[in-house]
C-alpha atoms as a PDB file:
ATOM      1  CA  MET A   1       5.185  -1.283 -22.509  1.00  0.00           C
ATOM      2  CA  LYS A   2       8.582   0.109 -21.822  1.00  0.00           C
ATOM      3  CA  LYS A   3       9.780   1.210 -18.395  1.00  0.00           C
ATOM      4  CA  LYS A   4      12.726   3.558 -17.960  1.00  0.00           C
ATOM      5  CA  ASN A   5      15.080   2.795 -15.124  1.00  0.00           C
ATOM      6  CA  VAL A   6      14.706   5.988 -13.153  1.00  0.00           C
ATOM      7  CA  LEU A   7      15.231   5.916  -9.410  1.00  0.00           C
ATOM      8  CA  PHE A   8      12.475   7.184  -7.186  1.00  0.00           C
ATOM      9  CA  SER A   9      13.630   9.374  -4.309  1.00  0.00           C
ATOM     10  CA  GLY A  10      11.963   8.260  -1.037  1.00  0.00           C
ATOM     11  CA  VAL A  11      11.724  10.370   2.092  1.00  0.00           C
ATOM     12  CA  ALA A  12      13.533   9.630   5.407  1.00  0.00           C
ATOM     13  CA  ALA A  13      12.436   6.451   7.249  1.00  0.00           C
ATOM     14  CA  LEU A  14      10.014   6.793  10.095  1.00  0.00           C
ATOM     15  CA  THR A  15      12.140   5.986  13.112  1.00  0.00           C
ATOM     16  CA  LEU A  16       9.293   6.293  15.562  1.00  0.00           C
ATOM     17  CA  PHE A  17       7.148   3.925  13.597  1.00  0.00           C
ATOM     18  CA  LEU A  18       9.861   1.372  13.483  1.00  0.00           C
ATOM     19  CA  ALA A  19      10.380   1.635  17.197  1.00  0.00           C
ATOM     20  CA  ALA A  20       6.609   1.222  17.833  1.00  0.00           C
ATOM     21  CA  CYS A  21       6.208  -1.744  15.452  1.00  0.00           C
ATOM     22  CA  GLY A  22       9.483  -3.508  16.157  1.00  0.00           C
ATOM     23  CA  SER A  23      10.949  -5.838  13.604  1.00  0.00           C
ATOM     24  CA  SER A  24      10.074  -9.410  12.750  1.00  0.00           C
ATOM     25  CA  ASP A  25      11.998 -11.787  10.501  1.00  0.00           C
ATOM     26  CA  SER A  26      10.666 -14.787   8.703  1.00  0.00           C
ATOM     27  CA  ASN A  27      11.562 -17.121  11.622  1.00  0.00           C
ATOM     28  CA  THR A  28       8.507 -16.411  13.690  1.00  0.00           C
ATOM     29  CA  ASP A  29       6.861 -19.763  13.987  1.00  0.00           C
ATOM     30  CA  SER A  30       7.938 -20.318  17.606  1.00  0.00           C
ATOM     31  CA  ALA A  31       6.338 -16.972  18.609  1.00  0.00           C
ATOM     32  CA  ALA A  32       3.174 -17.928  16.783  1.00  0.00           C
ATOM     33  CA  ASP A  33       2.912 -21.209  18.522  1.00  0.00           C
ATOM     34  CA  THR A  34       2.284 -19.720  21.925  1.00  0.00           C
ATOM     35  CA  SER A  35      -1.395 -18.902  21.681  1.00  0.00           C
ATOM     36  CA  SER A  36      -2.889 -16.916  24.474  1.00  0.00           C
ATOM     37  CA  SER A  37      -6.407 -18.180  23.780  1.00  0.00           C
ATOM     38  CA  ASP A  38      -7.948 -21.083  21.801  1.00  0.00           C
ATOM     39  CA  ASN A  39     -10.503 -20.844  19.076  1.00  0.00           C
ATOM     40  CA  GLU A  40     -10.558 -17.053  19.141  1.00  0.00           C
ATOM     41  CA  THR A  41     -12.090 -15.245  16.166  1.00  0.00           C
ATOM     42  CA  VAL A  42     -10.265 -12.280  14.765  1.00  0.00           C
ATOM     43  CA  LYS A  43     -11.810 -10.130  11.946  1.00  0.00           C
ATOM     44  CA  ILE A  44      -9.333  -8.561   9.577  1.00  0.00           C
ATOM     45  CA  GLY A  45     -10.338  -6.015   6.902  1.00  0.00           C
ATOM     46  CA  VAL A  46      -8.609  -6.052   3.514  1.00  0.00           C
ATOM     47  CA  VAL A  47      -9.073  -4.510   0.095  1.00  0.00           C
ATOM     48  CA  SER A  48      -8.837  -6.488  -3.219  1.00  0.00           C
ATOM     49  CA  GLU A  49      -9.042 -10.160  -4.175  1.00  0.00           C
ATOM     50  CA  VAL A  50      -5.255 -10.482  -4.000  1.00  0.00           C
ATOM     51  CA  GLU A  51      -5.252  -9.486  -0.338  1.00  0.00           C
ATOM     52  CA  VAL A  52      -7.985 -12.016   0.286  1.00  0.00           C
ATOM     53  CA  GLU A  53      -5.992 -14.797  -1.281  1.00  0.00           C
ATOM     54  CA  VAL A  54      -2.847 -14.073   0.728  1.00  0.00           C
ATOM     55  CA  TRP A  55      -4.723 -13.757   3.998  1.00  0.00           C
ATOM     56  CA  GLU A  56      -6.702 -16.947   3.400  1.00  0.00           C
ATOM     57  CA  ASP A  57      -3.352 -18.745   3.332  1.00  0.00           C
ATOM     58  CA  VAL A  58      -2.397 -17.172   6.620  1.00  0.00           C
ATOM     59  CA  ALA A  59      -5.801 -18.039   8.039  1.00  0.00           C
ATOM     60  CA  SER A  60      -5.329 -21.679   7.195  1.00  0.00           C
ATOM     61  CA  ARG A  61      -2.049 -21.717   9.191  1.00  0.00           C
ATOM     62  CA  LEU A  62      -3.602 -19.970  12.140  1.00  0.00           C
ATOM     63  CA  GLU A  63      -6.319 -22.554  12.560  1.00  0.00           C
ATOM     64  CA  SER A  64      -3.860 -24.964  14.134  1.00  0.00           C
ATOM     65  CA  LYS A  65      -2.954 -22.303  16.648  1.00  0.00           C
ATOM     66  CA  GLY A  66      -6.481 -21.885  17.816  1.00  0.00           C
ATOM     67  CA  ILE A  67      -7.214 -18.676  15.886  1.00  0.00           C
ATOM     68  CA  GLU A  68      -9.994 -18.356  13.388  1.00  0.00           C
ATOM     69  CA  LEU A  69      -9.192 -15.476  11.040  1.00  0.00           C
ATOM     70  CA  GLU A  70     -12.307 -14.020   9.436  1.00  0.00           C
ATOM     71  CA  ILE A  71     -11.451 -11.904   6.341  1.00  0.00           C
ATOM     72  CA  VAL A  72     -13.703  -8.996   5.586  1.00  0.00           C
ATOM     73  CA  GLN A  73     -13.202  -7.496   2.015  1.00  0.00           C
ATOM     74  CA  PHE A  74     -13.898  -3.855   1.474  1.00  0.00           C
ATOM     75  CA  THR A  75     -14.007  -2.004  -1.900  1.00  0.00           C
ATOM     76  CA  ASP A  76     -12.396   1.277  -1.006  1.00  0.00           C
ATOM     77  CA  TYR A  77      -9.714   2.707   1.249  1.00  0.00           C
ATOM     78  CA  VAL A  78     -11.962   4.613   3.672  1.00  0.00           C
ATOM     79  CA  GLN A  79     -14.293   1.907   5.162  1.00  0.00           C
ATOM     80  CA  PRO A  80     -11.598  -0.423   6.605  1.00  0.00           C
ATOM     81  CA  ASN A  81     -10.341   2.261   9.005  1.00  0.00           C
ATOM     82  CA  VAL A  82     -13.897   3.343   9.904  1.00  0.00           C
ATOM     83  CA  ALA A  83     -14.853  -0.306  10.615  1.00  0.00           C
ATOM     84  CA  LEU A  84     -11.745  -0.800  12.663  1.00  0.00           C
ATOM     85  CA  GLU A  85     -12.348   2.370  14.749  1.00  0.00           C
ATOM     86  CA  ASN A  86     -16.013   1.330  15.238  1.00  0.00           C
ATOM     87  CA  GLY A  87     -15.070  -2.129  16.400  1.00  0.00           C
ATOM     88  CA  ASP A  88     -16.716  -3.884  13.495  1.00  0.00           C
ATOM     89  CA  ILE A  89     -13.347  -5.576  12.711  1.00  0.00           C
ATOM     90  CA  ASP A  90     -10.342  -6.184  14.920  1.00  0.00           C
ATOM     91  CA  LEU A  91      -7.537  -5.456  12.456  1.00  0.00           C
ATOM     92  CA  ASN A  92      -7.025  -4.235   8.967  1.00  0.00           C
ATOM     93  CA  ALA A  93      -4.304  -4.712   6.387  1.00  0.00           C
ATOM     94  CA  PHE A  94      -4.518  -2.598   3.294  1.00  0.00           C
ATOM     95  CA  GLN A  95      -2.753   0.767   3.825  1.00  0.00           C
ATOM     96  CA  HIS A  96       0.687   2.196   4.106  1.00  0.00           C
ATOM     97  CA  VAL A  97       1.926   4.255   7.113  1.00  0.00           C
ATOM     98  CA  ALA A  98       1.394   7.600   5.425  1.00  0.00           C
ATOM     99  CA  TYR A  99      -2.241   6.810   4.662  1.00  0.00           C
ATOM    100  CA  LEU A 100      -2.869   5.722   8.253  1.00  0.00           C
ATOM    101  CA  GLU A 101      -1.251   8.851   9.655  1.00  0.00           C
ATOM    102  CA  ASP A 102      -3.393  11.050   7.472  1.00  0.00           C
ATOM    103  CA  PHE A 103      -6.543   9.178   8.478  1.00  0.00           C
ATOM    104  CA  ASN A 104      -5.682   9.598  12.128  1.00  0.00           C
ATOM    105  CA  ALA A 105      -4.967  13.317  11.751  1.00  0.00           C
ATOM    106  CA  ASN A 106      -8.188  14.055   9.839  1.00  0.00           C
ATOM    107  CA  ASN A 107     -10.392  11.911  12.054  1.00  0.00           C
ATOM    108  CA  LYS A 108      -8.828  12.385  15.499  1.00  0.00           C
ATOM    109  CA  SER A 109      -8.184   8.710  15.587  1.00  0.00           C
ATOM    110  CA  ASP A 110      -5.325   6.710  17.115  1.00  0.00           C
ATOM    111  CA  LEU A 111      -5.226   3.568  14.981  1.00  0.00           C
ATOM    112  CA  THR A 112      -1.790   2.103  15.288  1.00  0.00           C
ATOM    113  CA  PRO A 113       0.519  -0.056  13.114  1.00  0.00           C
ATOM    114  CA  ILE A 114       1.475  -3.335  14.762  1.00  0.00           C
ATOM    115  CA  GLY A 115       3.620  -4.804  11.943  1.00  0.00           C
ATOM    116  CA  PHE A 116       4.798  -4.403   8.355  1.00  0.00           C
ATOM    117  CA  THR A 117       3.292  -6.458   5.557  1.00  0.00           C
ATOM    118  CA  TYR A 118       4.617  -5.540   2.085  1.00  0.00           C
ATOM    119  CA  VAL A 119       5.661  -2.678  -0.184  1.00  0.00           C
ATOM    120  CA  SER A 120       3.378  -2.286  -3.108  1.00  0.00           C
ATOM    121  CA  PRO A 121       4.503  -0.308  -6.127  1.00  0.00           C
ATOM    122  CA  LEU A 122       2.665   2.701  -7.455  1.00  0.00           C
ATOM    123  CA  GLY A 123       2.656   2.583 -11.232  1.00  0.00           C
ATOM    124  CA  LEU A 124       2.132   4.950 -14.226  1.00  0.00           C
ATOM    125  CA  TYR A 125       0.043   3.309 -16.919  1.00  0.00           C
ATOM    126  CA  SER A 126      -1.242   4.443 -20.361  1.00  0.00           C
ATOM    127  CA  GLU A 127      -3.241   3.090 -23.271  1.00  0.00           C
ATOM    128  CA  LYS A 128      -2.045   6.003 -25.400  1.00  0.00           C
ATOM    129  CA  VAL A 129       1.746   5.817 -25.236  1.00  0.00           C
ATOM    130  CA  THR A 130       4.379   3.123 -24.535  1.00  0.00           C
ATOM    131  CA  ASP A 131       6.982   5.404 -23.065  1.00  0.00           C
ATOM    132  CA  TYR A 132       6.389   8.129 -20.526  1.00  0.00           C
ATOM    133  CA  ALA A 133       8.711  10.441 -22.424  1.00  0.00           C
ATOM    134  CA  ASP A 134       6.018  10.495 -25.180  1.00  0.00           C
ATOM    135  CA  ILE A 135       3.305  11.956 -22.977  1.00  0.00           C
ATOM    136  CA  ALA A 136       2.140  14.893 -24.889  1.00  0.00           C
ATOM    137  CA  ASP A 137       1.785  18.584 -23.975  1.00  0.00           C
ATOM    138  CA  GLY A 138      -1.624  19.166 -22.378  1.00  0.00           C
ATOM    139  CA  ALA A 139      -2.047  15.571 -21.430  1.00  0.00           C
ATOM    140  CA  LYS A 140      -4.507  14.538 -18.701  1.00  0.00           C
ATOM    141  CA  ILE A 141      -3.251  12.157 -15.962  1.00  0.00           C
ATOM    142  CA  ALA A 142      -5.479  10.570 -13.447  1.00  0.00           C
ATOM    143  CA  ILE A 143      -4.158  10.248  -9.865  1.00  0.00           C
ATOM    144  CA  PRO A 144      -5.625   9.135  -6.505  1.00  0.00           C
ATOM    145  CA  ASN A 145      -7.435  11.949  -4.727  1.00  0.00           C
ATOM    146  CA  ASP A 146      -6.302  11.122  -1.139  1.00  0.00           C
ATOM    147  CA  VAL A 147      -3.460  13.180   0.126  1.00  0.00           C
ATOM    148  CA  THR A 148      -0.981  10.313   0.684  1.00  0.00           C
ATOM    149  CA  ASN A 149      -1.480   8.309  -2.532  1.00  0.00           C
ATOM    150  CA  GLY A 150      -1.926  11.499  -4.538  1.00  0.00           C
ATOM    151  CA  GLY A 151       1.249  12.979  -2.985  1.00  0.00           C
ATOM    152  CA  ARG A 152       3.180   9.765  -3.857  1.00  0.00           C
ATOM    153  CA  ALA A 153       1.781   9.969  -7.406  1.00  0.00           C
ATOM    154  CA  LEU A 154       3.106  13.513  -7.801  1.00  0.00           C
ATOM    155  CA  LEU A 155       6.497  12.431  -6.478  1.00  0.00           C
ATOM    156  CA  LEU A 156       6.494   9.620  -9.036  1.00  0.00           C
ATOM    157  CA  LEU A 157       5.913  12.153 -11.808  1.00  0.00           C
ATOM    158  CA  GLN A 158       8.672  14.305 -10.440  1.00  0.00           C
ATOM    159  CA  ALA A 159      10.987  11.302 -10.409  1.00  0.00           C
ATOM    160  CA  ILE A 160      10.590  10.939 -14.134  1.00  0.00           C
ATOM    161  CA  GLY A 161      10.905  14.646 -14.878  1.00  0.00           C
ATOM    162  CA  LEU A 162       7.382  15.558 -15.880  1.00  0.00           C
ATOM    163  CA  ILE A 163       6.791  18.038 -12.988  1.00  0.00           C
ATOM    164  CA  LYS A 164       8.410  19.489  -9.950  1.00  0.00           C
ATOM    165  CA  VAL A 165       6.778  20.017  -6.558  1.00  0.00           C
ATOM    166  CA  ASP A 166       7.570  22.141  -3.502  1.00  0.00           C
ATOM    167  CA  GLU A 167      10.165  20.195  -1.533  1.00  0.00           C
ATOM    168  CA  ALA A 168       8.781  21.663   1.724  1.00  0.00           C
ATOM    169  CA  LYS A 169       5.634  19.567   1.286  1.00  0.00           C
ATOM    170  CA  GLY A 170       7.561  16.347   1.926  1.00  0.00           C
ATOM    171  CA  THR A 171       5.674  13.159   1.082  1.00  0.00           C
ATOM    172  CA  THR A 172       2.253  14.802   0.747  1.00  0.00           C
ATOM    173  CA  PRO A 173       2.347  17.417  -1.985  1.00  0.00           C
ATOM    174  CA  THR A 174      -0.876  18.303  -3.825  1.00  0.00           C
ATOM    175  CA  VAL A 175      -1.524  19.561  -7.323  1.00  0.00           C
ATOM    176  CA  ASN A 176      -1.445  23.087  -5.791  1.00  0.00           C
ATOM    177  CA  ASP A 177       2.160  22.501  -4.794  1.00  0.00           C
ATOM    178  CA  ILE A 178       3.425  21.852  -8.340  1.00  0.00           C
ATOM    179  CA  THR A 179       6.137  24.408  -9.032  1.00  0.00           C
ATOM    180  CA  GLU A 180       7.092  23.377 -12.593  1.00  0.00           C
ATOM    181  CA  ASN A 181       4.762  21.790 -15.238  1.00  0.00           C
ATOM    182  CA  PRO A 182       6.480  22.281 -18.606  1.00  0.00           C
ATOM    183  CA  LYS A 183       4.026  20.039 -20.496  1.00  0.00           C
ATOM    184  CA  ASN A 184       0.951  21.736 -18.913  1.00  0.00           C
ATOM    185  CA  ILE A 185      -0.326  18.413 -17.679  1.00  0.00           C
ATOM    186  CA  SER A 186      -3.766  18.552 -16.156  1.00  0.00           C
ATOM    187  CA  PHE A 187      -4.874  16.202 -13.357  1.00  0.00           C
ATOM    188  CA  GLU A 188      -8.020  14.236 -12.803  1.00  0.00           C
ATOM    189  CA  GLU A 189      -8.170  13.349  -9.133  1.00  0.00           C
ATOM    190  CA  LEU A 190     -10.296  10.352  -8.401  1.00  0.00           C
ATOM    191  CA  ASP A 191     -10.927   7.857  -5.571  1.00  0.00           C
ATOM    192  CA  ALA A 192      -8.052   5.363  -5.735  1.00  0.00           C
ATOM    193  CA  ALA A 193     -10.526   2.550  -6.515  1.00  0.00           C
ATOM    194  CA  GLN A 194     -11.710   4.444  -9.580  1.00  0.00           C
ATOM    195  CA  VAL A 195      -8.428   5.369 -11.218  1.00  0.00           C
ATOM    196  CA  ALA A 196      -7.897   2.138 -13.135  1.00  0.00           C
ATOM    197  CA  ARG A 197     -11.343   2.513 -14.671  1.00  0.00           C
ATOM    198  CA  SER A 198     -10.422   5.980 -15.986  1.00  0.00           C
ATOM    199  CA  LEU A 199      -7.444   4.636 -17.989  1.00  0.00           C
ATOM    200  CA  PRO A 200      -9.291   4.592 -21.388  1.00  0.00           C
ATOM    201  CA  ASP A 201     -10.362   8.241 -20.930  1.00  0.00           C
ATOM    202  CA  VAL A 202      -7.096   9.848 -19.915  1.00  0.00           C
ATOM    203  CA  ASP A 203      -3.595   9.956 -21.363  1.00  0.00           C
ATOM    204  CA  ALA A 204      -2.102   8.174 -18.354  1.00  0.00           C
ATOM    205  CA  ALA A 205      -3.107   7.136 -14.856  1.00  0.00           C
ATOM    206  CA  ILE A 206      -1.198   6.374 -11.644  1.00  0.00           C
ATOM    207  CA  ILE A 207      -2.711   3.284 -10.144  1.00  0.00           C
ATOM    208  CA  ASN A 208      -2.153   1.436  -6.794  1.00  0.00           C
ATOM    209  CA  THR A 209      -1.058  -2.166  -7.441  1.00  0.00           C
ATOM    210  CA  ASN A 210      -4.032  -3.867  -5.831  1.00  0.00           C
ATOM    211  CA  TYR A 211      -6.426  -1.961  -8.156  1.00  0.00           C
ATOM    212  CA  ALA A 212      -4.144  -2.470 -11.098  1.00  0.00           C
ATOM    213  CA  THR A 213      -4.090  -6.175 -10.686  1.00  0.00           C
ATOM    214  CA  ASP A 214      -7.816  -6.268 -10.119  1.00  0.00           C
ATOM    215  CA  ALA A 215      -8.107  -4.522 -13.551  1.00  0.00           C
ATOM    216  CA  ASP A 216      -5.949  -7.236 -15.083  1.00  0.00           C
ATOM    217  CA  LEU A 217      -2.885  -5.043 -15.411  1.00  0.00           C
ATOM    218  CA  ASN A 218       0.505  -6.547 -14.642  1.00  0.00           C
ATOM    219  CA  PRO A 219       2.640  -3.825 -13.065  1.00  0.00           C
ATOM    220  CA  LYS A 220       6.017  -5.262 -14.188  1.00  0.00           C
ATOM    221  CA  GLU A 221       4.809  -5.701 -17.764  1.00  0.00           C
ATOM    222  CA  ASP A 222       2.250  -2.952 -18.301  1.00  0.00           C
ATOM    223  CA  ALA A 223       3.490   0.010 -16.246  1.00  0.00           C
ATOM    224  CA  LEU A 224       5.579   2.759 -17.905  1.00  0.00           C
ATOM    225  CA  PHE A 225       7.257   3.247 -14.565  1.00  0.00           C
ATOM    226  CA  LEU A 226       7.121   1.847 -11.022  1.00  0.00           C
ATOM    227  CA  ASP A 227       8.264   3.830  -8.030  1.00  0.00           C
ATOM    228  CA  THR A 228       9.692   0.622  -6.455  1.00  0.00           C
ATOM    229  CA  ASP A 229      12.221  -0.018  -9.229  1.00  0.00           C
ATOM    230  CA  ASN A 230      14.701   0.834  -6.486  1.00  0.00           C
ATOM    231  CA  ILE A 231      13.162  -0.714  -3.413  1.00  0.00           C
ATOM    232  CA  ALA A 232      15.771   0.785  -1.069  1.00  0.00           C
ATOM    233  CA  SER A 233      14.553   4.266  -1.993  1.00  0.00           C
ATOM    234  CA  VAL A 234      11.018   3.645  -0.958  1.00  0.00           C
ATOM    235  CA  ALA A 235      10.442   5.272   2.438  1.00  0.00           C
ATOM    236  CA  ASP A 236       8.846   3.490   5.429  1.00  0.00           C
ATOM    237  CA  VAL A 237       5.872   5.750   5.078  1.00  0.00           C
ATOM    238  CA  TYR A 238       4.968   3.799   1.911  1.00  0.00           C
ATOM    239  CA  LYS A 239       5.252   0.341   3.479  1.00  0.00           C
ATOM    240  CA  ASN A 240       2.027  -1.384   4.148  1.00  0.00           C
ATOM    241  CA  ILE A 241       1.042  -2.415   7.670  1.00  0.00           C
ATOM    242  CA  VAL A 242      -1.388  -4.327   9.848  1.00  0.00           C
ATOM    243  CA  ALA A 243      -3.323  -1.812  11.956  1.00  0.00           C
ATOM    244  CA  ALA A 244      -5.144  -2.112  15.279  1.00  0.00           C
ATOM    245  CA  ARG A 245      -6.854   0.127  17.731  1.00  0.00           C
ATOM    246  CA  SER A 246      -4.284   1.664  20.050  1.00  0.00           C
ATOM    247  CA  ALA A 247      -5.771  -0.185  23.107  1.00  0.00           C
ATOM    248  CA  ASP A 248      -4.986  -3.483  21.336  1.00  0.00           C
ATOM    249  CA  VAL A 249      -1.351  -3.032  20.359  1.00  0.00           C
ATOM    250  CA  ASP A 250      -0.304  -5.534  23.047  1.00  0.00           C
ATOM    251  CA  ASN A 251      -3.011  -8.097  22.309  1.00  0.00           C
ATOM    252  CA  GLU A 252      -1.122 -11.424  22.116  1.00  0.00           C
ATOM    253  CA  THR A 253      -3.563 -13.008  19.667  1.00  0.00           C
ATOM    254  CA  TYR A 254      -3.111 -10.078  17.249  1.00  0.00           C
ATOM    255  CA  LYS A 255       0.654 -10.360  17.600  1.00  0.00           C
ATOM    256  CA  GLN A 256       0.312 -14.005  16.627  1.00  0.00           C
ATOM    257  CA  VAL A 257      -1.673 -12.987  13.507  1.00  0.00           C
ATOM    258  CA  VAL A 258       1.165 -10.651  12.514  1.00  0.00           C
ATOM    259  CA  ALA A 259       3.806 -13.250  13.294  1.00  0.00           C
ATOM    260  CA  GLU A 260       2.110 -15.841  11.129  1.00  0.00           C
ATOM    261  CA  TYR A 261       1.905 -13.273   8.283  1.00  0.00           C
ATOM    262  CA  GLN A 262       5.608 -12.436   8.559  1.00  0.00           C
ATOM    263  CA  THR A 263       6.856 -15.830   7.454  1.00  0.00           C
ATOM    264  CA  SER A 264       8.556 -17.337   4.469  1.00  0.00           C
ATOM    265  CA  GLU A 265       5.232 -19.049   3.564  1.00  0.00           C
ATOM    266  CA  THR A 266       3.565 -15.701   3.191  1.00  0.00           C
ATOM    267  CA  ALA A 267       6.421 -14.296   1.210  1.00  0.00           C
ATOM    268  CA  ALA A 268       6.141 -17.168  -1.210  1.00  0.00           C
ATOM    269  CA  ILE A 269       2.327 -16.790  -1.801  1.00  0.00           C
ATOM    270  CA  LEU A 270       2.685 -13.003  -1.927  1.00  0.00           C
ATOM    271  CA  ASP A 271       5.296 -13.392  -4.700  1.00  0.00           C
ATOM    272  CA  ASP A 272       3.025 -15.889  -6.496  1.00  0.00           C
ATOM    273  CA  VAL A 273      -0.316 -14.029  -6.435  1.00  0.00           C
ATOM    274  CA  THR A 274       1.258 -10.671  -7.208  1.00  0.00           C
ATOM    275  CA  GLU A 275       3.616 -12.041  -9.784  1.00  0.00           C
ATOM    276  CA  GLY A 276       6.568 -10.638  -7.854  1.00  0.00           C
ATOM    277  CA  ASN A 277       5.222  -7.091  -7.644  1.00  0.00           C
ATOM    278  CA  ASP A 278       4.698  -6.806  -3.908  1.00  0.00           C
ATOM    279  CA  VAL A 279       7.846  -7.141  -1.816  1.00  0.00           C
ATOM    280  CA  PRO A 280       7.797  -8.266   1.884  1.00  0.00           C
ATOM    281  CA  ALA A 281       8.359  -5.235   3.998  1.00  0.00           C
ATOM    282  CA  TRP A 282       9.215  -7.044   7.178  1.00  0.00           C
ATOM    283  CA  GLU A 283      12.441  -8.233   5.519  1.00  0.00           C
ATOM    284  CA  GLN A 284      13.588  -4.744   4.516  1.00  0.00           C
END
């Protein structure tokens, strides 16, 4: 399918988040070697088979540092934060900053990012057309129903000129904030995990990369448009992170887990298993 080279306008970077997380380059092996405890088990929650594959590689490297990383796979975007808050897992790595902030606000939680992982593109896909310019009047487009991914989806559609949204809504506009819709597009709002399955039944769908790849879609080849075509324009709120409970932000073992992730080895396997779609965020 054909992608048009349209730049996606990101919002301003989250300075406070960057200050809280700090930065980490790929040369983190020395920090990771100083383990505060031996043979400690850390449970980390992820979503999708791709995430599992990347973290299994990290886990194999952590073994020599006395850390056993147990990977717990979830099937949706809600349960990993619930499990983290309840203490069923120690960390999770599946969401971007905006999603975490929305979860905290809606659940009176204080889960906290402790390091960047990657930037994952949000893509527009279709089985009906090969160019987004050909999306017809009255078309139905499926988008994620959570406020952050849904808002990002609407901003993607604005970037390619299909709609306009209220600028005052920032990174979290809803369908009620659409101010211009010249093609009278209707929206089917679904759980992010279900959007890919809806693709045969709608004119187009905006799908998170982990669910797209799980559905055997290749973002670079199959997407009509990716919002990361200009990576510099993707705001920090859309960068994925490792999250912990606020009481554990200074946990040395958890810091070692993040440090071992933020290495050139992880960047290489991330590039391999995502076919170059996910970009290391700690290097940005």
